Amino acid sequence: MKKALLILSLTYLVSVQAQDTHEPDSTTVSTIDGTVNEVLNIISGEPDKVRNLEQFRMLFRHDATFRALTHAPDGNRSLRTFNLEEFARIVRNFYDGSSFLEYELKKTVNEYNGIAQVFQGYQVESPRGKEKGVNSYQLYFDGTRWWITSILWVSDRNGVELPEEYR
């Protein structure tokens, strides 16, 4: 009886663990658009939305980088760099419990031989107001799916208007 109970318990734990792997839907990561759009789907939401950080992590290579180009009021520029875990903490701390809605406006995709570069015009609505900008994604295809290796973004907060091709 104890052995049967142990086997049932182990079977249940294995099935729960298998369901909790947070692998992205293969149709999502089988295309560049699906992969890039999933980033916005995960981080965007109203204050009560809990962001699925495991699903988020599965879109990126483990060594992916996140970089934000910011502009100080005096015109100086600064590049802030984060690794995947640092950015996941930012998502958890800033986005959870806060309204953050990021929408794609337009994008251009350049692809060659398993690599891709995506320039995506975006608009954000958050407690800090509205802004527009450009996300620059770099991706690679491993033969099965697309992985994001880095994102670099910049907003229009310094008054530089978003180019027409990204509006």
N, C-alpha and C. Protein backbone atom coordinates (compact mmCIF):
# COMPACT_ATOMS: atom_id res chain seq x y z
N MET A 1 0.82 -1.19 0.00
CA MET A 1 0.00 0.00 0.00
C MET A 1 0.87 1.26 0.00
N LYS A 2 1.91 1.28 0.87
CA LYS A 2 2.81 2.43 0.92
C LYS A 2 3.54 2.61 -0.41
N LYS A 3 3.92 1.48 -1.01
CA LYS A 3 4.63 1.53 -2.28
C LYS A 3 3.71 2.10 -3.37
N ALA A 4 2.47 1.68 -3.39
CA ALA A 4 1.51 2.18 -4.38
C ALA A 4 1.27 3.68 -4.18
N LEU A 5 1.17 4.10 -2.93
CA LEU A 5 0.98 5.52 -2.63
C LEU A 5 2.20 6.33 -3.06
N LEU A 6 3.38 5.80 -2.83
CA LEU A 6 4.61 6.46 -3.24
C LEU A 6 4.67 6.59 -4.76
N ILE A 7 4.31 5.55 -5.47
CA ILE A 7 4.32 5.58 -6.94
C ILE A 7 3.31 6.60 -7.45
N LEU A 8 2.11 6.62 -6.86
CA LEU A 8 1.11 7.60 -7.27
C LEU A 8 1.60 9.03 -7.00
N SER A 9 2.22 9.24 -5.85
CA SER A 9 2.74 10.56 -5.51
C SER A 9 3.83 10.99 -6.48
N LEU A 10 4.74 10.08 -6.78
CA LEU A 10 5.82 10.40 -7.73
C LEU A 10 5.27 10.66 -9.12
N THR A 11 4.30 9.88 -9.54
CA THR A 11 3.67 10.09 -10.85
C THR A 11 3.03 11.47 -10.91
N TYR A 12 2.33 11.85 -9.86
CA TYR A 12 1.70 13.16 -9.80
C TYR A 12 2.75 14.27 -9.87
N LEU A 13 3.83 14.16 -9.10
CA LEU A 13 4.87 15.17 -9.10
C LEU A 13 5.53 15.30 -10.47
N VAL A 14 5.80 14.19 -11.12
CA VAL A 14 6.40 14.22 -12.44
C VAL A 14 5.46 14.88 -13.44
N SER A 15 4.16 14.56 -13.36
CA SER A 15 3.20 15.18 -14.30
C SER A 15 3.07 16.67 -14.05
N VAL A 16 3.07 17.09 -12.79
CA VAL A 16 2.99 18.52 -12.47
C VAL A 16 4.25 19.21 -12.96
N GLN A 17 5.41 18.59 -12.73
CA GLN A 17 6.65 19.19 -13.18
C GLN A 17 6.67 19.28 -14.71
N ALA A 18 6.19 18.26 -15.40
CA ALA A 18 6.16 18.28 -16.86
C ALA A 18 5.26 19.40 -17.37
N GLN A 19 4.16 19.67 -16.65
CA GLN A 19 3.27 20.75 -17.06
C GLN A 19 3.85 22.11 -16.75
N ASP A 20 4.82 22.18 -15.87
CA ASP A 20 5.36 23.44 -15.39
C ASP A 20 6.70 23.79 -16.05
N THR A 21 6.98 23.21 -17.21
CA THR A 21 8.25 23.50 -17.87
C THR A 21 8.25 24.85 -18.55
N HIS A 22 7.06 25.39 -18.82
CA HIS A 22 6.92 26.71 -19.42
C HIS A 22 7.58 26.82 -20.79
N GLU A 23 7.63 25.72 -21.50
CA GLU A 23 8.12 25.78 -22.86
C GLU A 23 7.17 26.64 -23.67
N PRO A 24 7.70 27.54 -24.49
CA PRO A 24 6.79 28.33 -25.30
C PRO A 24 6.11 27.45 -26.34
N ASP A 25 4.93 27.84 -26.72
CA ASP A 25 4.20 27.15 -27.77
C ASP A 25 5.09 27.13 -29.01
N SER A 26 5.25 25.96 -29.62
CA SER A 26 6.15 25.83 -30.77
C SER A 26 5.72 26.73 -31.92
N THR A 27 4.43 27.03 -32.05
CA THR A 27 4.01 27.93 -33.12
C THR A 27 4.44 29.37 -32.82
N THR A 28 4.56 29.73 -31.56
CA THR A 28 4.99 31.08 -31.18
C THR A 28 6.43 31.32 -31.60
N VAL A 29 7.32 30.39 -31.28
CA VAL A 29 8.75 30.59 -31.54
C VAL A 29 9.21 30.03 -32.89
N SER A 30 8.27 29.54 -33.68
CA SER A 30 8.64 29.04 -35.01
C SER A 30 8.78 30.17 -36.02
N THR A 31 8.31 31.37 -35.64
CA THR A 31 8.45 32.54 -36.52
C THR A 31 9.09 33.69 -35.76
N ILE A 32 9.69 34.57 -36.52
CA ILE A 32 10.28 35.78 -35.93
C ILE A 32 9.18 36.64 -35.31
N ASP A 33 8.10 36.87 -36.08
CA ASP A 33 6.99 37.68 -35.57
C ASP A 33 6.41 37.11 -34.29
N GLY A 34 6.18 35.81 -34.26
CA GLY A 34 5.61 35.18 -33.07
C GLY A 34 6.49 35.36 -31.85
N THR A 35 7.80 35.21 -32.05
CA THR A 35 8.75 35.34 -30.94
C THR A 35 8.78 36.77 -30.41
N VAL A 36 8.91 37.73 -31.32
CA VAL A 36 8.98 39.14 -30.92
C VAL A 36 7.66 39.60 -30.31
N ASN A 37 6.54 39.21 -30.90
CA ASN A 37 5.24 39.62 -30.37
C ASN A 37 4.98 39.04 -28.98
N GLU A 38 5.51 37.86 -28.71
CA GLU A 38 5.30 37.24 -27.40
C GLU A 38 5.96 38.06 -26.28
N VAL A 39 7.07 38.71 -26.58
CA VAL A 39 7.71 39.59 -25.58
C VAL A 39 6.71 40.64 -25.12
N LEU A 40 6.07 41.32 -26.10
CA LEU A 40 5.10 42.37 -25.75
C LEU A 40 3.88 41.78 -25.05
N ASN A 41 3.44 40.60 -25.49
CA ASN A 41 2.28 39.96 -24.85
C ASN A 41 2.54 39.68 -23.37
N ILE A 42 3.76 39.28 -23.05
CA ILE A 42 4.08 38.92 -21.67
C ILE A 42 4.25 40.15 -20.79
N ILE A 43 5.00 41.16 -21.26
CA ILE A 43 5.28 42.30 -20.39
C ILE A 43 4.13 43.30 -20.31
N SER A 44 3.23 43.29 -21.29
CA SER A 44 2.12 44.24 -21.30
C SER A 44 0.96 43.74 -20.47
N GLY A 45 0.31 44.67 -19.78
CA GLY A 45 -0.89 44.29 -19.04
C GLY A 45 -1.31 45.34 -18.04
N GLU A 46 -2.49 45.11 -17.53
CA GLU A 46 -3.05 45.97 -16.49
C GLU A 46 -2.40 45.62 -15.15
N PRO A 47 -2.64 46.42 -14.10
CA PRO A 47 -1.97 46.20 -12.81
C PRO A 47 -2.17 44.82 -12.20
N ASP A 48 -3.30 44.18 -12.47
CA ASP A 48 -3.57 42.88 -11.85
C ASP A 48 -2.99 41.70 -12.64
N LYS A 49 -2.37 41.96 -13.78
CA LYS A 49 -1.80 40.87 -14.58
C LYS A 49 -0.46 40.45 -13.99
N VAL A 50 -0.31 39.16 -13.76
CA VAL A 50 0.97 38.61 -13.32
C VAL A 50 1.72 38.18 -14.55
N ARG A 51 2.91 38.72 -14.75
CA ARG A 51 3.71 38.39 -15.93
C ARG A 51 4.33 37.00 -15.75
N ASN A 52 4.26 36.18 -16.78
CA ASN A 52 4.81 34.82 -16.74
C ASN A 52 6.30 34.89 -17.09
N LEU A 53 7.12 35.03 -16.05
CA LEU A 53 8.55 35.21 -16.26
C LEU A 53 9.23 33.95 -16.78
N GLU A 54 8.70 32.79 -16.47
CA GLU A 54 9.28 31.56 -17.01
C GLU A 54 9.06 31.51 -18.52
N GLN A 55 7.87 31.85 -18.94
CA GLN A 55 7.58 31.91 -20.38
C GLN A 55 8.46 32.97 -21.04
N PHE A 56 8.63 34.10 -20.37
CA PHE A 56 9.50 35.18 -20.87
C PHE A 56 10.92 34.68 -21.07
N ARG A 57 11.46 34.02 -20.05
CA ARG A 57 12.84 33.51 -20.13
C ARG A 57 13.03 32.55 -21.30
N MET A 58 11.99 31.77 -21.61
CA MET A 58 12.10 30.77 -22.66
C MET A 58 12.17 31.36 -24.07
N LEU A 59 11.98 32.66 -24.20
CA LEU A 59 12.11 33.30 -25.50
C LEU A 59 13.56 33.68 -25.81
N PHE A 60 14.39 33.67 -24.78
CA PHE A 60 15.76 34.19 -24.89
C PHE A 60 16.81 33.12 -24.66
N ARG A 61 17.95 33.31 -25.32
CA ARG A 61 19.12 32.51 -24.95
C ARG A 61 19.48 32.88 -23.52
N HIS A 62 20.08 31.93 -22.82
CA HIS A 62 20.43 32.17 -21.40
C HIS A 62 21.38 33.34 -21.22
N ASP A 63 22.16 33.67 -22.25
CA ASP A 63 23.14 34.75 -22.16
C ASP A 63 22.69 36.02 -22.89
N ALA A 64 21.39 36.15 -23.11
CA ALA A 64 20.85 37.32 -23.81
C ALA A 64 21.15 38.60 -23.05
N THR A 65 21.23 39.70 -23.80
CA THR A 65 21.46 41.01 -23.19
C THR A 65 20.29 41.94 -23.51
N PHE A 66 20.07 42.85 -22.58
CA PHE A 66 19.03 43.87 -22.70
C PHE A 66 19.73 45.20 -22.50
N ARG A 67 19.57 46.10 -23.45
CA ARG A 67 20.24 47.39 -23.36
C ARG A 67 19.24 48.51 -23.65
N ALA A 68 19.30 49.55 -22.82
CA ALA A 68 18.45 50.73 -23.00
C ALA A 68 19.34 51.94 -23.19
N LEU A 69 19.13 52.66 -24.29
CA LEU A 69 19.83 53.92 -24.51
C LEU A 69 18.96 55.02 -23.95
N THR A 70 19.48 55.74 -22.96
CA THR A 70 18.72 56.82 -22.34
C THR A 70 19.41 58.15 -22.60
N HIS A 71 18.63 59.21 -22.55
CA HIS A 71 19.13 60.56 -22.80
C HIS A 71 18.86 61.43 -21.59
N ALA A 72 19.89 62.02 -21.06
CA ALA A 72 19.76 62.94 -19.93
C ALA A 72 19.29 64.30 -20.44
N PRO A 73 18.69 65.11 -19.57
CA PRO A 73 18.24 66.45 -19.98
C PRO A 73 19.35 67.31 -20.59
N ASP A 74 20.61 67.06 -20.17
CA ASP A 74 21.72 67.85 -20.70
C ASP A 74 22.23 67.31 -22.04
N GLY A 75 21.57 66.27 -22.58
CA GLY A 75 21.96 65.73 -23.88
C GLY A 75 22.88 64.53 -23.82
N ASN A 76 23.45 64.27 -22.64
CA ASN A 76 24.33 63.11 -22.52
C ASN A 76 23.53 61.81 -22.69
N ARG A 77 24.18 60.84 -23.29
CA ARG A 77 23.56 59.53 -23.50
C ARG A 77 24.21 58.50 -22.60
N SER A 78 23.40 57.54 -22.22
CA SER A 78 23.88 56.49 -21.33
C SER A 78 23.30 55.17 -21.81
N LEU A 79 24.11 54.13 -21.80
CA LEU A 79 23.65 52.81 -22.19
C LEU A 79 23.61 51.93 -20.95
N ARG A 80 22.41 51.49 -20.58
CA ARG A 80 22.23 50.60 -19.43
C ARG A 80 22.11 49.19 -19.96
N THR A 81 22.85 48.27 -19.36
CA THR A 81 22.88 46.89 -19.83
C THR A 81 22.46 45.96 -18.71
N PHE A 82 21.63 44.96 -19.06
CA PHE A 82 21.13 43.97 -18.12
C PHE A 82 21.28 42.59 -18.73
N ASN A 83 21.49 41.60 -17.87
CA ASN A 83 21.41 40.22 -18.35
C ASN A 83 19.96 39.75 -18.19
N LEU A 84 19.69 38.54 -18.58
CA LEU A 84 18.31 38.02 -18.57
C LEU A 84 17.72 38.03 -17.16
N GLU A 85 18.45 37.58 -16.18
CA GLU A 85 17.91 37.54 -14.82
C GLU A 85 17.70 38.93 -14.23
N GLU A 86 18.61 39.85 -14.52
CA GLU A 86 18.42 41.23 -14.05
C GLU A 86 17.16 41.84 -14.67
N PHE A 87 16.97 41.62 -15.96
CA PHE A 87 15.79 42.19 -16.60
C PHE A 87 14.52 41.52 -16.11
N ALA A 88 14.56 40.21 -15.86
CA ALA A 88 13.39 39.52 -15.31
C ALA A 88 13.01 40.11 -13.95
N ARG A 89 14.01 40.47 -13.14
CA ARG A 89 13.72 41.11 -11.84
C ARG A 89 13.07 42.48 -12.05
N ILE A 90 13.54 43.22 -13.05
CA ILE A 90 12.94 44.52 -13.36
C ILE A 90 11.48 44.32 -13.77
N VAL A 91 11.23 43.33 -14.61
CA VAL A 91 9.86 43.04 -15.03
C VAL A 91 9.00 42.73 -13.82
N ARG A 92 9.50 41.88 -12.94
CA ARG A 92 8.73 41.50 -11.75
C ARG A 92 8.49 42.71 -10.86
N ASN A 93 9.50 43.52 -10.63
CA ASN A 93 9.38 44.64 -9.70
C ASN A 93 8.62 45.83 -10.27
N PHE A 94 8.79 46.10 -11.55
CA PHE A 94 8.16 47.29 -12.13
C PHE A 94 6.82 46.97 -12.77
N TYR A 95 6.78 45.95 -13.60
CA TYR A 95 5.59 45.68 -14.39
C TYR A 95 4.48 45.05 -13.57
N ASP A 96 4.80 44.11 -12.69
CA ASP A 96 3.76 43.49 -11.87
C ASP A 96 3.17 44.56 -10.94
N GLY A 97 1.88 44.63 -10.89
CA GLY A 97 1.21 45.61 -10.04
C GLY A 97 1.13 46.98 -10.67
N SER A 98 1.57 47.09 -11.92
CA SER A 98 1.55 48.38 -12.59
C SER A 98 0.97 48.20 -13.99
N SER A 99 0.26 49.19 -14.44
CA SER A 99 -0.24 49.16 -15.80
C SER A 99 0.91 49.51 -16.73
N PHE A 100 1.21 48.61 -17.64
CA PHE A 100 2.26 48.84 -18.63
C PHE A 100 1.79 48.19 -19.92
N LEU A 101 1.47 49.02 -20.90
CA LEU A 101 0.95 48.52 -22.16
C LEU A 101 1.89 48.96 -23.27
N GLU A 102 2.53 48.00 -23.92
CA GLU A 102 3.42 48.29 -25.03
C GLU A 102 2.83 47.69 -26.29
N TYR A 103 2.68 48.54 -27.31
CA TYR A 103 2.08 48.14 -28.57
C TYR A 103 3.09 48.29 -29.71
N GLU A 104 3.07 47.34 -30.61
CA GLU A 104 3.87 47.48 -31.83
C GLU A 104 3.16 48.44 -32.76
N LEU A 105 3.93 49.36 -33.33
CA LEU A 105 3.39 50.27 -34.34
C LEU A 105 3.69 49.71 -35.74
N LYS A 106 4.95 49.56 -36.07
CA LYS A 106 5.42 48.97 -37.33
C LYS A 106 6.76 48.31 -37.07
N LYS A 107 7.13 47.42 -37.97
CA LYS A 107 8.45 46.83 -37.83
C LYS A 107 9.03 46.48 -39.19
N THR A 108 10.34 46.40 -39.22
CA THR A 108 11.05 45.88 -40.38
C THR A 108 11.86 44.69 -39.92
N VAL A 109 11.88 43.67 -40.75
CA VAL A 109 12.60 42.44 -40.42
C VAL A 109 13.60 42.16 -41.53
N ASN A 110 14.84 41.97 -41.15
CA ASN A 110 15.88 41.54 -42.09
C ASN A 110 16.39 40.20 -41.61
N GLU A 111 16.39 39.23 -42.52
CA GLU A 111 16.77 37.87 -42.15
C GLU A 111 17.71 37.30 -43.20
N TYR A 112 18.71 36.57 -42.72
CA TYR A 112 19.62 35.88 -43.61
C TYR A 112 20.24 34.68 -42.90
N ASN A 113 20.11 33.51 -43.48
CA ASN A 113 20.86 32.32 -43.10
C ASN A 113 20.82 32.02 -41.59
N GLY A 114 19.65 32.16 -40.99
CA GLY A 114 19.51 31.79 -39.59
C GLY A 114 19.67 32.91 -38.59
N ILE A 115 19.90 34.14 -39.07
CA ILE A 115 19.93 35.28 -38.15
C ILE A 115 18.90 36.30 -38.61
N ALA A 116 18.42 37.11 -37.68
CA ALA A 116 17.45 38.14 -38.01
C ALA A 116 17.68 39.37 -37.15
N GLN A 117 17.37 40.51 -37.76
CA GLN A 117 17.40 41.80 -37.10
C GLN A 117 16.01 42.40 -37.25
N VAL A 118 15.38 42.79 -36.15
CA VAL A 118 14.04 43.37 -36.19
C VAL A 118 14.11 44.77 -35.58
N PHE A 119 13.66 45.77 -36.33
CA PHE A 119 13.45 47.11 -35.79
C PHE A 119 11.96 47.27 -35.63
N GLN A 120 11.51 47.47 -34.40
CA GLN A 120 10.09 47.53 -34.08
C GLN A 120 9.76 48.88 -33.46
N GLY A 121 8.94 49.66 -34.15
CA GLY A 121 8.42 50.88 -33.55
C GLY A 121 7.41 50.50 -32.50
N TYR A 122 7.45 51.19 -31.35
CA TYR A 122 6.51 50.85 -30.28
C TYR A 122 5.92 52.10 -29.67
N GLN A 123 4.81 51.91 -28.98
CA GLN A 123 4.22 52.93 -28.13
C GLN A 123 3.95 52.31 -26.78
N VAL A 124 4.28 53.04 -25.73
CA VAL A 124 4.06 52.58 -24.36
C VAL A 124 3.09 53.52 -23.66
N GLU A 125 2.18 52.92 -22.90
CA GLU A 125 1.31 53.67 -21.99
C GLU A 125 1.56 53.09 -20.61
N SER A 126 2.02 53.95 -19.70
CA SER A 126 2.34 53.52 -18.34
C SER A 126 2.07 54.67 -17.39
N PRO A 127 2.22 54.43 -16.09
CA PRO A 127 2.03 55.53 -15.13
C PRO A 127 2.95 56.73 -15.40
N ARG A 128 4.05 56.49 -16.10
CA ARG A 128 4.97 57.59 -16.43
C ARG A 128 4.52 58.36 -17.67
N GLY A 129 3.41 57.94 -18.29
CA GLY A 129 2.89 58.63 -19.46
C GLY A 129 3.03 57.79 -20.72
N LYS A 130 2.90 58.47 -21.85
CA LYS A 130 3.03 57.80 -23.15
C LYS A 130 4.39 58.14 -23.75
N GLU A 131 4.93 57.18 -24.46
CA GLU A 131 6.16 57.41 -25.21
C GLU A 131 6.19 56.47 -26.39
N LYS A 132 7.00 56.82 -27.35
CA LYS A 132 7.24 55.97 -28.51
C LYS A 132 8.73 55.71 -28.59
N GLY A 133 9.09 54.72 -29.36
CA GLY A 133 10.49 54.41 -29.52
C GLY A 133 10.70 53.25 -30.47
N VAL A 134 11.92 52.73 -30.45
CA VAL A 134 12.28 51.61 -31.31
C VAL A 134 12.96 50.54 -30.46
N ASN A 135 12.49 49.30 -30.64
CA ASN A 135 13.16 48.12 -30.10
C ASN A 135 13.97 47.50 -31.23
N SER A 136 15.20 47.15 -30.96
CA SER A 136 16.03 46.45 -31.93
C SER A 136 16.33 45.06 -31.38
N TYR A 137 15.76 44.04 -32.05
CA TYR A 137 15.94 42.65 -31.63
C TYR A 137 16.95 41.96 -32.52
N GLN A 138 17.79 41.13 -31.94
CA GLN A 138 18.64 40.23 -32.70
C GLN A 138 18.23 38.82 -32.33
N LEU A 139 18.02 37.98 -33.34
CA LEU A 139 17.56 36.61 -33.12
C LEU A 139 18.38 35.64 -33.96
N TYR A 140 18.35 34.38 -33.56
CA TYR A 140 18.92 33.33 -34.40
C TYR A 140 17.99 32.13 -34.37
N PHE A 141 18.08 31.35 -35.47
CA PHE A 141 17.26 30.16 -35.64
C PHE A 141 18.16 28.95 -35.45
N ASP A 142 17.80 28.06 -34.50
CA ASP A 142 18.64 26.90 -34.20
C ASP A 142 18.27 25.67 -35.03
N GLY A 143 17.40 25.83 -36.02
CA GLY A 143 16.93 24.71 -36.83
C GLY A 143 15.56 24.25 -36.42
N THR A 144 15.13 24.64 -35.23
CA THR A 144 13.82 24.28 -34.70
C THR A 144 12.98 25.50 -34.35
N ARG A 145 13.62 26.51 -33.79
CA ARG A 145 12.90 27.68 -33.29
C ARG A 145 13.80 28.91 -33.28
N TRP A 146 13.16 30.08 -33.12
CA TRP A 146 13.89 31.35 -33.00
C TRP A 146 14.17 31.66 -31.54
N TRP A 147 15.36 32.18 -31.28
CA TRP A 147 15.80 32.62 -29.95
C TRP A 147 16.20 34.09 -30.05
N ILE A 148 15.83 34.87 -29.06
CA ILE A 148 16.29 36.26 -28.99
C ILE A 148 17.63 36.27 -28.27
N THR A 149 18.62 36.91 -28.90
CA THR A 149 19.94 37.01 -28.27
C THR A 149 20.17 38.36 -27.61
N SER A 150 19.47 39.40 -28.12
CA SER A 150 19.60 40.71 -27.48
C SER A 150 18.47 41.63 -27.92
N ILE A 151 18.22 42.60 -27.06
CA ILE A 151 17.30 43.69 -27.37
C ILE A 151 17.99 44.99 -26.96
N LEU A 152 17.94 45.97 -27.85
CA LEU A 152 18.41 47.33 -27.57
C LEU A 152 17.25 48.25 -27.89
N TRP A 153 16.92 49.18 -26.98
CA TRP A 153 15.81 50.08 -27.24
C TRP A 153 16.13 51.51 -26.85
N VAL A 154 15.38 52.42 -27.47
CA VAL A 154 15.50 53.85 -27.20
C VAL A 154 14.11 54.46 -27.38
N SER A 155 13.80 55.45 -26.54
CA SER A 155 12.50 56.11 -26.63
C SER A 155 12.65 57.52 -27.18
N ASP A 156 11.51 58.16 -27.41
CA ASP A 156 11.50 59.53 -27.92
C ASP A 156 11.46 60.57 -26.81
N ARG A 157 11.75 60.17 -25.59
CA ARG A 157 11.66 61.10 -24.45
C ARG A 157 12.54 62.33 -24.60
N ASN A 158 13.58 62.24 -25.42
CA ASN A 158 14.46 63.40 -25.59
C ASN A 158 13.97 64.31 -26.71
N GLY A 159 12.76 64.06 -27.22
CA GLY A 159 12.19 64.95 -28.22
C GLY A 159 12.49 64.58 -29.66
N VAL A 160 13.26 63.53 -29.89
CA VAL A 160 13.54 63.11 -31.26
C VAL A 160 12.36 62.28 -31.75
N GLU A 161 11.71 62.78 -32.79
CA GLU A 161 10.50 62.15 -33.31
C GLU A 161 10.80 60.79 -33.93
N LEU A 162 9.88 59.88 -33.72
CA LEU A 162 10.00 58.54 -34.29
C LEU A 162 9.91 58.62 -35.82
N PRO A 163 10.85 58.00 -36.55
CA PRO A 163 10.79 58.05 -38.01
C PRO A 163 9.50 57.43 -38.54
N GLU A 164 9.05 57.94 -39.68
CA GLU A 164 7.80 57.49 -40.30
C GLU A 164 7.76 55.99 -40.49
N GLU A 165 8.86 55.38 -40.88
CA GLU A 165 8.84 53.92 -41.15
C GLU A 165 8.59 53.07 -39.91
N TYR A 166 8.60 53.68 -38.72
CA TYR A 166 8.32 52.93 -37.48
C TYR A 166 7.06 53.40 -36.78
N ARG A 167 6.29 54.33 -37.40
CA ARG A 167 5.04 54.84 -36.81
C ARG A 167 3.84 54.07 -37.28
